[in-house]
Amino acid sequence: MISQMSSIILAGGKSRRYGSNKAVAELNGEAVISLICNVMEPLVNELIVVVASYEQAKMMPLNPQVKVVIDKYPNCGPLGGIYSGLSKAINQWSFVSACDMPFLNPNLINDMAELREGYDIIAPIIDNRAEPVHAMYHQACLASISKQLNSGELKITRFYDEMNVKEVGTNFIDKIDPGRWSFFNINTPEDMIKANQKYLQSKSGGL
């Protein structure tokens, strides 16, 4: 288990491109959000799911120990969800992921956590762009996120300039997850087909 780390899963989106709630979409018969919780549960001592409403949460097959947090900024995209989860976490550090990322790699998450000392954010960088919903945030970020939300600027990484950021490059990532499947997310029904193919391939030892 990673010391002093919560897991925040952002599940308050409208899933417009997918056509239905992605969090409860089934991958090989299991809800995607359940797969994510199964990966994160052994790594952290707190699981948080951020939703737009309790009605949305009731649709999800969540275990009783999962902390459900209502998004304080429901129309502000992932940034509002990050703030809402981070502000309710019992730990200073949280690993943030989206609810449609079924292939999170626990080894990559563990190794990212080892880099925390002296930083406020641990963020993977792929193709010169940060991956803000596969990243770790310290509660020291809350004031800057709040200021940004109140200004109406919703680009997640805008506040990074005010924080101490440890960038995790592809050399680091590829040693652990050479296919970079950790960052695969399900946006469309076609993505779900691809995810099912990947899931079956991994179960047959074809990774």
N, C-alpha and C. Protein backbone atom coordinates (compact mmCIF):
# COMPACT_ATOMS: atom_id res chain seq x y z
N MET A 1 0.84 -1.20 0.00
CA MET A 1 0.00 0.00 0.00
C MET A 1 0.87 1.25 0.00
N ILE A 2 0.46 2.26 -0.76
CA ILE A 2 1.17 3.53 -0.81
C ILE A 2 0.80 4.34 0.43
N SER A 3 1.79 4.85 1.14
CA SER A 3 1.51 5.61 2.35
C SER A 3 0.88 6.96 2.02
N GLN A 4 -0.08 7.35 2.83
CA GLN A 4 -0.70 8.68 2.77
C GLN A 4 -1.17 9.03 1.36
N MET A 5 -1.95 8.13 0.77
CA MET A 5 -2.45 8.34 -0.58
C MET A 5 -3.92 7.94 -0.66
N SER A 6 -4.73 8.83 -1.22
CA SER A 6 -6.12 8.52 -1.55
C SER A 6 -6.22 8.30 -3.06
N SER A 7 -7.31 7.69 -3.47
CA SER A 7 -7.62 7.54 -4.89
C SER A 7 -8.88 8.33 -5.17
N ILE A 8 -8.81 9.22 -6.16
CA ILE A 8 -9.98 10.00 -6.57
C ILE A 8 -10.35 9.58 -7.99
N ILE A 9 -11.55 9.06 -8.16
CA ILE A 9 -12.04 8.65 -9.47
C ILE A 9 -13.11 9.65 -9.90
N LEU A 10 -12.89 10.31 -11.02
CA LEU A 10 -13.81 11.34 -11.51
C LEU A 10 -14.91 10.67 -12.32
N ALA A 11 -16.13 10.73 -11.81
CA ALA A 11 -17.24 10.02 -12.45
C ALA A 11 -18.48 10.89 -12.61
N GLY A 12 -18.28 12.20 -12.68
CA GLY A 12 -19.42 13.10 -12.75
C GLY A 12 -19.75 13.61 -14.13
N GLY A 13 -19.06 13.08 -15.15
CA GLY A 13 -19.27 13.57 -16.51
C GLY A 13 -20.57 13.08 -17.12
N LYS A 14 -20.91 13.67 -18.28
CA LYS A 14 -22.18 13.35 -18.94
C LYS A 14 -22.04 12.26 -19.99
N SER A 15 -20.82 11.85 -20.34
CA SER A 15 -20.58 10.75 -21.28
C SER A 15 -21.32 10.96 -22.60
N ARG A 16 -21.29 12.18 -23.11
CA ARG A 16 -22.06 12.49 -24.32
C ARG A 16 -21.62 11.65 -25.52
N ARG A 17 -20.31 11.52 -25.72
CA ARG A 17 -19.83 10.78 -26.89
C ARG A 17 -20.11 9.29 -26.78
N TYR A 18 -20.13 8.79 -25.56
CA TYR A 18 -20.37 7.36 -25.38
C TYR A 18 -21.86 7.02 -25.53
N GLY A 19 -22.71 7.94 -25.10
CA GLY A 19 -24.15 7.72 -25.25
C GLY A 19 -24.84 7.21 -24.00
N SER A 20 -24.07 6.78 -23.00
CA SER A 20 -24.61 6.36 -21.71
C SER A 20 -23.50 6.49 -20.68
N ASN A 21 -23.81 6.25 -19.42
CA ASN A 21 -22.84 6.45 -18.35
C ASN A 21 -21.66 5.50 -18.49
N LYS A 22 -20.49 6.04 -18.79
CA LYS A 22 -19.31 5.20 -19.02
C LYS A 22 -18.88 4.44 -17.77
N ALA A 23 -19.10 5.02 -16.63
CA ALA A 23 -18.64 4.39 -15.38
C ALA A 23 -19.28 3.02 -15.17
N VAL A 24 -20.53 2.87 -15.62
CA VAL A 24 -21.23 1.60 -15.42
C VAL A 24 -21.26 0.76 -16.69
N ALA A 25 -20.65 1.25 -17.76
CA ALA A 25 -20.52 0.42 -18.96
C ALA A 25 -19.72 -0.82 -18.61
N GLU A 26 -20.10 -1.94 -19.18
CA GLU A 26 -19.48 -3.20 -18.80
C GLU A 26 -18.36 -3.61 -19.75
N LEU A 27 -17.25 -3.96 -19.14
CA LEU A 27 -16.10 -4.50 -19.86
C LEU A 27 -15.96 -5.95 -19.44
N ASN A 28 -16.23 -6.84 -20.37
CA ASN A 28 -16.23 -8.28 -20.06
C ASN A 28 -17.12 -8.61 -18.86
N GLY A 29 -18.27 -7.94 -18.81
CA GLY A 29 -19.26 -8.26 -17.79
C GLY A 29 -19.10 -7.54 -16.47
N GLU A 30 -18.14 -6.63 -16.37
CA GLU A 30 -17.93 -5.90 -15.11
C GLU A 30 -17.88 -4.41 -15.39
N ALA A 31 -18.52 -3.62 -14.54
CA ALA A 31 -18.53 -2.16 -14.72
C ALA A 31 -17.11 -1.62 -14.70
N VAL A 32 -16.84 -0.68 -15.60
CA VAL A 32 -15.50 -0.12 -15.70
C VAL A 32 -15.06 0.48 -14.37
N ILE A 33 -15.96 1.16 -13.69
CA ILE A 33 -15.56 1.79 -12.42
C ILE A 33 -15.20 0.72 -11.38
N SER A 34 -15.81 -0.45 -11.47
CA SER A 34 -15.45 -1.54 -10.55
C SER A 34 -14.04 -2.04 -10.83
N LEU A 35 -13.68 -2.11 -12.10
CA LEU A 35 -12.32 -2.53 -12.46
C LEU A 35 -11.29 -1.55 -11.91
N ILE A 36 -11.60 -0.26 -11.99
CA ILE A 36 -10.68 0.76 -11.48
C ILE A 36 -10.56 0.65 -9.96
N CYS A 37 -11.69 0.49 -9.29
CA CYS A 37 -11.66 0.34 -7.82
C CYS A 37 -10.87 -0.90 -7.42
N ASN A 38 -10.99 -1.97 -8.19
CA ASN A 38 -10.25 -3.20 -7.88
C ASN A 38 -8.74 -2.99 -7.96
N VAL A 39 -8.30 -2.15 -8.91
CA VAL A 39 -6.87 -1.85 -9.03
C VAL A 39 -6.42 -0.98 -7.86
N MET A 40 -7.22 0.03 -7.53
CA MET A 40 -6.78 1.03 -6.56
C MET A 40 -6.93 0.58 -5.11
N GLU A 41 -7.88 -0.27 -4.82
CA GLU A 41 -8.16 -0.63 -3.42
C GLU A 41 -6.94 -1.14 -2.66
N PRO A 42 -6.10 -2.01 -3.25
CA PRO A 42 -4.92 -2.48 -2.51
C PRO A 42 -3.81 -1.43 -2.37
N LEU A 43 -3.91 -0.34 -3.14
CA LEU A 43 -2.83 0.65 -3.17
C LEU A 43 -3.02 1.79 -2.18
N VAL A 44 -4.27 2.07 -1.81
CA VAL A 44 -4.57 3.27 -1.02
C VAL A 44 -5.45 2.90 0.17
N ASN A 45 -5.55 3.83 1.12
CA ASN A 45 -6.42 3.58 2.27
C ASN A 45 -7.72 4.37 2.19
N GLU A 46 -7.96 5.00 1.03
CA GLU A 46 -9.22 5.72 0.83
C GLU A 46 -9.55 5.77 -0.65
N LEU A 47 -10.77 5.33 -0.99
CA LEU A 47 -11.29 5.41 -2.35
C LEU A 47 -12.39 6.46 -2.39
N ILE A 48 -12.23 7.45 -3.27
CA ILE A 48 -13.21 8.52 -3.43
C ILE A 48 -13.73 8.49 -4.86
N VAL A 49 -15.04 8.55 -5.01
CA VAL A 49 -15.65 8.69 -6.33
C VAL A 49 -16.40 10.01 -6.35
N VAL A 50 -16.04 10.88 -7.29
CA VAL A 50 -16.68 12.19 -7.41
C VAL A 50 -17.78 12.10 -8.47
N VAL A 51 -18.99 12.47 -8.08
CA VAL A 51 -20.15 12.38 -8.97
C VAL A 51 -20.88 13.72 -8.99
N ALA A 52 -21.77 13.87 -9.98
CA ALA A 52 -22.54 15.10 -10.08
C ALA A 52 -23.71 15.12 -9.09
N SER A 53 -24.20 13.92 -8.73
CA SER A 53 -25.35 13.83 -7.83
C SER A 53 -25.37 12.46 -7.16
N TYR A 54 -26.10 12.35 -6.06
CA TYR A 54 -26.24 11.05 -5.41
C TYR A 54 -27.01 10.07 -6.30
N GLU A 55 -27.92 10.62 -7.13
CA GLU A 55 -28.66 9.75 -8.05
C GLU A 55 -27.69 9.07 -9.02
N GLN A 56 -26.69 9.82 -9.48
CA GLN A 56 -25.69 9.25 -10.36
C GLN A 56 -24.90 8.16 -9.64
N ALA A 57 -24.57 8.40 -8.39
CA ALA A 57 -23.81 7.42 -7.61
C ALA A 57 -24.59 6.13 -7.40
N LYS A 58 -25.91 6.25 -7.23
CA LYS A 58 -26.74 5.07 -6.98
C LYS A 58 -26.73 4.10 -8.16
N MET A 59 -26.39 4.60 -9.35
CA MET A 59 -26.32 3.75 -10.53
C MET A 59 -25.05 2.91 -10.56
N MET A 60 -24.10 3.23 -9.70
CA MET A 60 -22.78 2.61 -9.77
C MET A 60 -22.65 1.50 -8.73
N PRO A 61 -22.03 0.39 -9.11
CA PRO A 61 -21.85 -0.73 -8.17
C PRO A 61 -20.66 -0.49 -7.24
N LEU A 62 -20.83 0.43 -6.29
CA LEU A 62 -19.73 0.82 -5.41
C LEU A 62 -19.82 0.07 -4.08
N ASN A 63 -18.68 -0.34 -3.58
CA ASN A 63 -18.62 -0.97 -2.27
C ASN A 63 -18.90 0.06 -1.18
N PRO A 64 -19.39 -0.38 -0.03
CA PRO A 64 -19.75 0.56 1.04
C PRO A 64 -18.59 1.43 1.53
N GLN A 65 -17.35 0.93 1.41
CA GLN A 65 -16.21 1.71 1.91
C GLN A 65 -15.82 2.86 0.99
N VAL A 66 -16.40 2.92 -0.20
CA VAL A 66 -16.08 4.01 -1.13
C VAL A 66 -16.75 5.29 -0.65
N LYS A 67 -15.97 6.36 -0.58
CA LYS A 67 -16.51 7.67 -0.19
C LYS A 67 -17.05 8.37 -1.44
N VAL A 68 -18.33 8.67 -1.42
CA VAL A 68 -18.95 9.38 -2.54
C VAL A 68 -18.93 10.87 -2.23
N VAL A 69 -18.39 11.65 -3.16
CA VAL A 69 -18.29 13.10 -3.00
C VAL A 69 -19.05 13.76 -4.14
N ILE A 70 -19.91 14.70 -3.81
CA ILE A 70 -20.64 15.45 -4.83
C ILE A 70 -19.76 16.59 -5.33
N ASP A 71 -19.69 16.71 -6.64
CA ASP A 71 -18.85 17.73 -7.27
C ASP A 71 -19.36 19.13 -6.88
N LYS A 72 -18.51 19.90 -6.26
CA LYS A 72 -18.86 21.26 -5.86
C LYS A 72 -18.99 22.17 -7.07
N TYR A 73 -18.33 21.81 -8.16
CA TYR A 73 -18.35 22.60 -9.40
C TYR A 73 -18.82 21.69 -10.54
N PRO A 74 -20.11 21.31 -10.57
CA PRO A 74 -20.56 20.27 -11.50
C PRO A 74 -20.48 20.63 -12.97
N ASN A 75 -20.37 21.90 -13.30
CA ASN A 75 -20.31 22.30 -14.70
C ASN A 75 -18.93 22.80 -15.11
N CYS A 76 -17.93 22.38 -14.35
CA CYS A 76 -16.57 22.88 -14.60
C CYS A 76 -15.61 21.78 -15.01
N GLY A 77 -16.14 20.67 -15.50
CA GLY A 77 -15.28 19.62 -16.03
C GLY A 77 -14.43 18.94 -14.97
N PRO A 78 -13.38 18.26 -15.39
CA PRO A 78 -12.55 17.49 -14.46
C PRO A 78 -11.90 18.34 -13.37
N LEU A 79 -11.60 19.60 -13.66
CA LEU A 79 -10.93 20.43 -12.66
C LEU A 79 -11.78 20.58 -11.41
N GLY A 80 -13.08 20.77 -11.60
CA GLY A 80 -13.98 20.86 -10.45
C GLY A 80 -14.02 19.57 -9.66
N GLY A 81 -13.97 18.45 -10.38
CA GLY A 81 -13.96 17.16 -9.72
C GLY A 81 -12.69 16.92 -8.92
N ILE A 82 -11.57 17.35 -9.48
CA ILE A 82 -10.30 17.23 -8.76
C ILE A 82 -10.35 18.03 -7.46
N TYR A 83 -10.84 19.26 -7.56
CA TYR A 83 -10.94 20.09 -6.35
C TYR A 83 -11.86 19.44 -5.32
N SER A 84 -13.01 18.97 -5.76
CA SER A 84 -14.00 18.41 -4.84
C SER A 84 -13.45 17.19 -4.12
N GLY A 85 -12.79 16.30 -4.87
CA GLY A 85 -12.23 15.10 -4.26
C GLY A 85 -11.07 15.41 -3.34
N LEU A 86 -10.18 16.27 -3.81
CA LEU A 86 -8.98 16.60 -3.04
C LEU A 86 -9.35 17.28 -1.72
N SER A 87 -10.39 18.11 -1.75
CA SER A 87 -10.78 18.84 -0.54
C SER A 87 -11.41 17.93 0.51
N LYS A 88 -11.89 16.76 0.10
CA LYS A 88 -12.54 15.83 1.04
C LYS A 88 -11.64 14.65 1.42
N ALA A 89 -10.45 14.57 0.83
CA ALA A 89 -9.57 13.42 1.08
C ALA A 89 -8.97 13.49 2.48
N ILE A 90 -8.77 12.32 3.08
CA ILE A 90 -8.15 12.28 4.41
C ILE A 90 -6.63 12.36 4.32
N ASN A 91 -6.09 12.10 3.14
CA ASN A 91 -4.65 12.16 2.93
C ASN A 91 -4.28 13.43 2.18
N GLN A 92 -3.05 13.86 2.37
CA GLN A 92 -2.59 15.05 1.65
C GLN A 92 -2.40 14.78 0.16
N TRP A 93 -2.07 13.54 -0.18
CA TRP A 93 -1.85 13.17 -1.58
C TRP A 93 -3.01 12.33 -2.10
N SER A 94 -3.35 12.55 -3.38
CA SER A 94 -4.36 11.73 -4.05
C SER A 94 -3.91 11.42 -5.47
N PHE A 95 -4.18 10.19 -5.88
CA PHE A 95 -4.01 9.82 -7.29
C PHE A 95 -5.36 10.01 -7.97
N VAL A 96 -5.37 10.83 -9.01
CA VAL A 96 -6.61 11.16 -9.72
C VAL A 96 -6.66 10.41 -11.04
N SER A 97 -7.80 9.77 -11.29
CA SER A 97 -8.02 9.12 -12.58
C SER A 97 -9.46 9.35 -13.02
N ALA A 98 -9.71 9.15 -14.30
CA ALA A 98 -11.07 9.23 -14.82
C ALA A 98 -11.76 7.88 -14.62
N CYS A 99 -13.08 7.88 -14.76
CA CYS A 99 -13.86 6.67 -14.52
C CYS A 99 -13.89 5.74 -15.73
N ASP A 100 -13.18 6.11 -16.79
CA ASP A 100 -13.22 5.32 -18.02
C ASP A 100 -11.84 4.81 -18.42
N MET A 101 -10.99 4.57 -17.41
CA MET A 101 -9.61 4.14 -17.66
C MET A 101 -9.43 2.75 -17.05
N PRO A 102 -9.79 1.69 -17.77
CA PRO A 102 -9.84 0.36 -17.16
C PRO A 102 -8.51 -0.36 -17.02
N PHE A 103 -7.44 0.22 -17.57
CA PHE A 103 -6.17 -0.50 -17.59
C PHE A 103 -5.08 0.18 -16.75
N LEU A 104 -5.48 0.79 -15.64
CA LEU A 104 -4.49 1.40 -14.75
C LEU A 104 -3.47 0.36 -14.31
N ASN A 105 -2.21 0.78 -14.25
CA ASN A 105 -1.12 -0.13 -13.93
C ASN A 105 -0.63 0.15 -12.50
N PRO A 106 -0.85 -0.77 -11.58
CA PRO A 106 -0.46 -0.50 -10.18
C PRO A 106 1.04 -0.28 -10.01
N ASN A 107 1.86 -0.91 -10.84
CA ASN A 107 3.31 -0.71 -10.73
C ASN A 107 3.70 0.71 -11.12
N LEU A 108 3.05 1.24 -12.15
CA LEU A 108 3.33 2.62 -12.56
C LEU A 108 2.88 3.59 -11.47
N ILE A 109 1.73 3.35 -10.90
CA ILE A 109 1.22 4.23 -9.84
C ILE A 109 2.14 4.18 -8.63
N ASN A 110 2.57 3.00 -8.26
CA ASN A 110 3.52 2.86 -7.14
C ASN A 110 4.80 3.63 -7.39
N ASP A 111 5.35 3.49 -8.58
CA ASP A 111 6.62 4.15 -8.89
C ASP A 111 6.47 5.66 -8.97
N MET A 112 5.34 6.14 -9.46
CA MET A 112 5.09 7.58 -9.44
C MET A 112 5.05 8.10 -8.01
N ALA A 113 4.45 7.33 -7.12
CA ALA A 113 4.34 7.76 -5.72
C ALA A 113 5.69 7.91 -5.06
N GLU A 114 6.67 7.17 -5.52
CA GLU A 114 8.02 7.25 -4.95
C GLU A 114 8.68 8.60 -5.25
N LEU A 115 8.12 9.36 -6.17
CA LEU A 115 8.73 10.63 -6.60
C LEU A 115 8.14 11.84 -5.88
N ARG A 116 7.27 11.64 -4.91
CA ARG A 116 6.48 12.75 -4.35
C ARG A 116 7.27 13.78 -3.56
N GLU A 117 8.32 13.38 -2.90
CA GLU A 117 8.99 14.29 -1.96
C GLU A 117 9.45 15.57 -2.65
N GLY A 118 9.04 16.70 -2.08
CA GLY A 118 9.45 17.99 -2.60
C GLY A 118 8.57 18.55 -3.71
N TYR A 119 7.51 17.82 -4.06
CA TYR A 119 6.65 18.25 -5.17
C TYR A 119 5.20 18.36 -4.72
N ASP A 120 4.40 19.05 -5.56
CA ASP A 120 2.96 19.18 -5.34
C ASP A 120 2.15 18.34 -6.31
N ILE A 121 2.75 18.06 -7.47
CA ILE A 121 2.06 17.31 -8.53
C ILE A 121 3.05 16.34 -9.15
N ILE A 122 2.61 15.12 -9.40
CA ILE A 122 3.38 14.15 -10.18
C ILE A 122 2.56 13.89 -11.44
N ALA A 123 3.06 14.32 -12.59
CA ALA A 123 2.27 14.27 -13.82
C ALA A 123 3.02 13.60 -14.96
N PRO A 124 2.46 12.56 -15.54
CA PRO A 124 3.05 11.98 -16.75
C PRO A 124 2.99 12.97 -17.91
N ILE A 125 4.03 12.95 -18.72
CA ILE A 125 4.09 13.79 -19.91
C ILE A 125 4.23 12.89 -21.12
N ILE A 126 3.27 12.93 -22.02
CA ILE A 126 3.29 12.13 -23.25
C ILE A 126 3.07 13.07 -24.43
N ASP A 127 3.94 12.98 -25.42
CA ASP A 127 3.87 13.87 -26.59
C ASP A 127 3.81 15.34 -26.17
N ASN A 128 4.64 15.68 -25.20
CA ASN A 128 4.78 17.05 -24.70
C ASN A 128 3.52 17.59 -24.02
N ARG A 129 2.63 16.70 -23.63
CA ARG A 129 1.40 17.13 -22.95
C ARG A 129 1.24 16.35 -21.65
N ALA A 130 0.82 17.06 -20.62
CA ALA A 130 0.56 16.40 -19.34
C ALA A 130 -0.69 15.54 -19.42
N GLU A 131 -0.71 14.50 -18.60
CA GLU A 131 -1.89 13.63 -18.46
C GLU A 131 -2.50 13.92 -17.09
N PRO A 132 -3.35 14.96 -17.00
CA PRO A 132 -3.80 15.45 -15.69
C PRO A 132 -4.79 14.55 -14.97
N VAL A 133 -5.39 13.57 -15.68
CA VAL A 133 -6.28 12.64 -14.99
C VAL A 133 -5.66 11.25 -14.89
N HIS A 134 -4.34 11.25 -14.87
CA HIS A 134 -3.56 10.08 -14.41
C HIS A 134 -2.37 10.68 -13.67
N ALA A 135 -2.68 11.43 -12.63
CA ALA A 135 -1.66 12.23 -11.95
C ALA A 135 -1.92 12.25 -10.45
N MET A 136 -0.89 12.67 -9.72
CA MET A 136 -0.99 12.77 -8.26
C MET A 136 -0.94 14.24 -7.85
N TYR A 137 -1.82 14.60 -6.92
CA TYR A 137 -1.94 15.98 -6.47
C TYR A 137 -1.87 16.04 -4.94
N HIS A 138 -1.13 17.02 -4.45
CA HIS A 138 -1.08 17.31 -3.02
C HIS A 138 -2.15 18.36 -2.71
N GLN A 139 -2.65 18.34 -1.48
CA GLN A 139 -3.66 19.31 -1.09
C GLN A 139 -3.15 20.75 -1.12
N ALA A 140 -1.84 20.92 -1.25
CA ALA A 140 -1.30 22.27 -1.43
C ALA A 140 -1.81 22.91 -2.72
N CYS A 141 -2.35 22.09 -3.63
CA CYS A 141 -2.88 22.60 -4.90
C CYS A 141 -4.25 23.25 -4.75
N LEU A 142 -4.93 23.01 -3.64
CA LEU A 142 -6.33 23.42 -3.53
C LEU A 142 -6.55 24.92 -3.73
N ALA A 143 -5.71 25.74 -3.14
CA ALA A 143 -5.91 27.19 -3.25
C ALA A 143 -5.78 27.65 -4.69
N SER A 144 -4.79 27.13 -5.41
CA SER A 144 -4.59 27.52 -6.80
C SER A 144 -5.72 27.02 -7.69
N ILE A 145 -6.20 25.80 -7.42
CA ILE A 145 -7.32 25.27 -8.20
C ILE A 145 -8.57 26.11 -7.96
N SER A 146 -8.83 26.45 -6.71
CA SER A 146 -10.00 27.26 -6.38
C SER A 146 -9.94 28.62 -7.08
N LYS A 147 -8.79 29.23 -7.05
CA LYS A 147 -8.62 30.53 -7.71
C LYS A 147 -8.89 30.41 -9.20
N GLN A 148 -8.39 29.33 -9.80
CA GLN A 148 -8.59 29.14 -11.23
C GLN A 148 -10.06 28.89 -11.55
N LEU A 149 -10.72 28.06 -10.76
CA LEU A 149 -12.14 27.79 -10.99
C LEU A 149 -12.97 29.06 -10.88
N ASN A 150 -12.67 29.86 -9.89
CA ASN A 150 -13.43 31.10 -9.69
C ASN A 150 -13.17 32.12 -10.79
N SER A 151 -12.06 31.96 -11.51
CA SER A 151 -11.78 32.85 -12.64
C SER A 151 -12.46 32.38 -13.92
N GLY A 152 -12.98 31.15 -13.89
CA GLY A 152 -13.65 30.62 -15.07
C GLY A 152 -12.75 29.88 -16.03
N GLU A 153 -11.47 29.76 -15.70
CA GLU A 153 -10.51 29.04 -16.54
C GLU A 153 -10.57 27.56 -16.17
N LEU A 154 -10.94 26.71 -17.14
CA LEU A 154 -11.18 25.30 -16.83
C LEU A 154 -10.11 24.36 -17.35
N LYS A 155 -9.12 24.87 -18.05
CA LYS A 155 -8.04 23.99 -18.50
C LYS A 155 -7.31 23.45 -17.27
N ILE A 156 -7.26 22.14 -17.14
CA ILE A 156 -6.78 21.55 -15.89
C ILE A 156 -5.36 21.99 -15.55
N THR A 157 -4.50 22.00 -16.53
CA THR A 157 -3.08 22.22 -16.26
C THR A 157 -2.69 23.68 -16.10
N ARG A 158 -3.62 24.60 -16.20
CA ARG A 158 -3.27 26.02 -16.11
C ARG A 158 -2.60 26.35 -14.78
N PHE A 159 -3.09 25.76 -13.70
CA PHE A 159 -2.55 26.09 -12.37
C PHE A 159 -1.21 25.42 -12.11
N TYR A 160 -0.79 24.51 -12.98
CA TYR A 160 0.49 23.83 -12.78
C TYR A 160 1.65 24.81 -12.64
N ASP A 161 1.54 25.94 -13.33
CA ASP A 161 2.63 26.93 -13.30
C ASP A 161 2.89 27.46 -11.90
N GLU A 162 1.90 27.36 -11.02
CA GLU A 162 2.04 27.88 -9.66
C GLU A 162 2.55 26.82 -8.67
N MET A 163 2.71 25.59 -9.15
CA MET A 163 3.04 24.48 -8.26
C MET A 163 4.39 23.87 -8.63
N ASN A 164 4.93 23.08 -7.70
CA ASN A 164 6.14 22.31 -7.99
C ASN A 164 5.72 20.99 -8.63
N VAL A 165 6.02 20.86 -9.91
CA VAL A 165 5.55 19.71 -10.68
C VAL A 165 6.72 18.79 -11.02
N LYS A 166 6.56 17.52 -10.72
CA LYS A 166 7.51 16.50 -11.16
C LYS A 166 6.93 15.86 -12.42
N GLU A 167 7.61 16.08 -13.54
CA GLU A 167 7.17 15.51 -14.80
C GLU A 167 7.73 14.10 -14.94
N VAL A 168 6.86 13.18 -15.31
CA VAL A 168 7.24 11.79 -15.51
C VAL A 168 7.22 11.53 -17.01
N GLY A 169 8.40 11.32 -17.58
CA GLY A 169 8.52 11.18 -19.02
C GLY A 169 8.25 9.78 -19.53
N THR A 170 8.28 9.65 -20.84
CA THR A 170 7.95 8.36 -21.46
C THR A 170 9.00 7.29 -21.20
N ASN A 171 10.25 7.69 -20.97
CA ASN A 171 11.26 6.67 -20.64
C ASN A 171 10.88 5.96 -19.34
N PHE A 172 10.42 6.73 -18.38
CA PHE A 172 9.97 6.19 -17.09
C PHE A 172 8.73 5.31 -17.29
N ILE A 173 7.77 5.83 -18.05
CA ILE A 173 6.50 5.13 -18.26
C ILE A 173 6.70 3.83 -19.02
N ASP A 174 7.48 3.90 -20.10
CA ASP A 174 7.59 2.75 -21.01
C ASP A 174 8.32 1.56 -20.40
N LYS A 175 9.11 1.80 -19.37
CA LYS A 175 9.77 0.67 -18.69
C LYS A 175 8.74 -0.19 -17.95
N ILE A 176 7.63 0.41 -17.58
CA ILE A 176 6.60 -0.28 -16.80
C ILE A 176 5.39 -0.63 -17.66
N ASP A 177 5.01 0.29 -18.50
CA ASP A 177 3.80 0.13 -19.33
C ASP A 177 4.14 0.53 -20.76
N PRO A 178 4.87 -0.34 -21.48
CA PRO A 178 5.35 0.03 -22.82
C PRO A 178 4.23 0.31 -23.82
N GLY A 179 3.07 -0.28 -23.61
CA GLY A 179 1.95 0.00 -24.50
C GLY A 179 1.17 1.24 -24.12
N ARG A 180 1.49 1.80 -22.96
CA ARG A 180 0.82 2.99 -22.42
C ARG A 180 -0.68 2.80 -22.28
N TRP A 181 -1.08 1.58 -21.98
CA TRP A 181 -2.51 1.30 -21.80
C TRP A 181 -3.07 1.95 -20.55
N SER A 182 -2.21 2.33 -19.63
CA SER A 182 -2.69 3.04 -18.43
C SER A 182 -3.50 4.28 -18.80
N PHE A 183 -3.19 4.87 -19.95
CA PHE A 183 -3.78 6.15 -20.33
C PHE A 183 -4.94 5.99 -21.31
N PHE A 184 -5.29 4.75 -21.62
CA PHE A 184 -6.40 4.50 -22.54
C PHE A 184 -7.71 4.81 -21.83
N ASN A 185 -8.55 5.59 -22.49
CA ASN A 185 -9.86 5.86 -21.91
C ASN A 185 -10.95 5.58 -22.94
N ILE A 186 -12.11 5.28 -22.43
CA ILE A 186 -13.24 4.86 -23.26
C ILE A 186 -14.15 6.06 -23.49
N ASN A 187 -14.07 6.63 -24.69
CA ASN A 187 -14.90 7.78 -25.03
C ASN A 187 -16.09 7.42 -25.90
N THR A 188 -15.95 6.36 -26.69
CA THR A 188 -16.97 5.99 -27.67
C THR A 188 -17.25 4.49 -27.59
N PRO A 189 -18.36 4.03 -28.17
CA PRO A 189 -18.60 2.58 -28.24
C PRO A 189 -17.47 1.84 -28.95
N GLU A 190 -16.84 2.49 -29.91
CA GLU A 190 -15.72 1.86 -30.61
C GLU A 190 -14.55 1.64 -29.67
N ASP A 191 -14.35 2.58 -28.76
CA ASP A 191 -13.29 2.41 -27.75
C ASP A 191 -13.59 1.21 -26.85
N MET A 192 -14.87 1.00 -26.55
CA MET A 192 -15.23 -0.14 -25.71
C MET A 192 -14.94 -1.46 -26.42
N ILE A 193 -15.17 -1.51 -27.72
CA ILE A 193 -14.83 -2.71 -28.49
C ILE A 193 -13.33 -2.98 -28.39
N LYS A 194 -12.55 -1.92 -28.56
CA LYS A 194 -11.09 -2.05 -28.46
C LYS A 194 -10.68 -2.50 -27.05
N ALA A 195 -11.34 -1.94 -26.04
CA ALA A 195 -11.02 -2.30 -24.66
C ALA A 195 -11.34 -3.77 -24.38
N ASN A 196 -12.47 -4.25 -24.91
CA ASN A 196 -12.81 -5.65 -24.72
C ASN A 196 -11.80 -6.57 -25.38
N GLN A 197 -11.35 -6.17 -26.57
CA GLN A 197 -10.32 -6.96 -27.25
C GLN A 197 -9.04 -6.99 -26.43
N LYS A 198 -8.66 -5.84 -25.88
CA LYS A 198 -7.46 -5.76 -25.05
C LYS A 198 -7.61 -6.59 -23.78
N TYR A 199 -8.77 -6.52 -23.18
CA TYR A 199 -9.01 -7.26 -21.94
C TYR A 199 -8.89 -8.77 -22.18
N LEU A 200 -9.51 -9.24 -23.25
CA LEU A 200 -9.44 -10.67 -23.56
C LEU A 200 -8.02 -11.09 -23.90
N GLN A 201 -7.31 -10.20 -24.60
CA GLN A 201 -5.91 -10.48 -24.94
C GLN A 201 -5.06 -10.60 -23.69
N SER A 202 -5.29 -9.69 -22.72
CA SER A 202 -4.50 -9.72 -21.49
C SER A 202 -4.80 -10.97 -20.67
N LYS A 203 -6.06 -11.40 -20.68
CA LYS A 203 -6.44 -12.59 -19.92
C LYS A 203 -5.85 -13.86 -20.53
N SER A 204 -5.59 -13.80 -21.85
CA SER A 204 -5.01 -14.97 -22.51
C SER A 204 -3.49 -14.92 -22.54
N GLY A 205 -2.92 -13.91 -21.85
CA GLY A 205 -1.47 -13.79 -21.77
C GLY A 205 -0.84 -13.11 -22.95
N GLY A 206 -1.64 -12.33 -23.69
CA GLY A 206 -1.13 -11.71 -24.90
C GLY A 206 -0.67 -10.29 -24.73
N LEU A 207 -0.42 -9.85 -23.52
CA LEU A 207 0.04 -8.47 -23.30
C LEU A 207 1.42 -8.25 -23.89
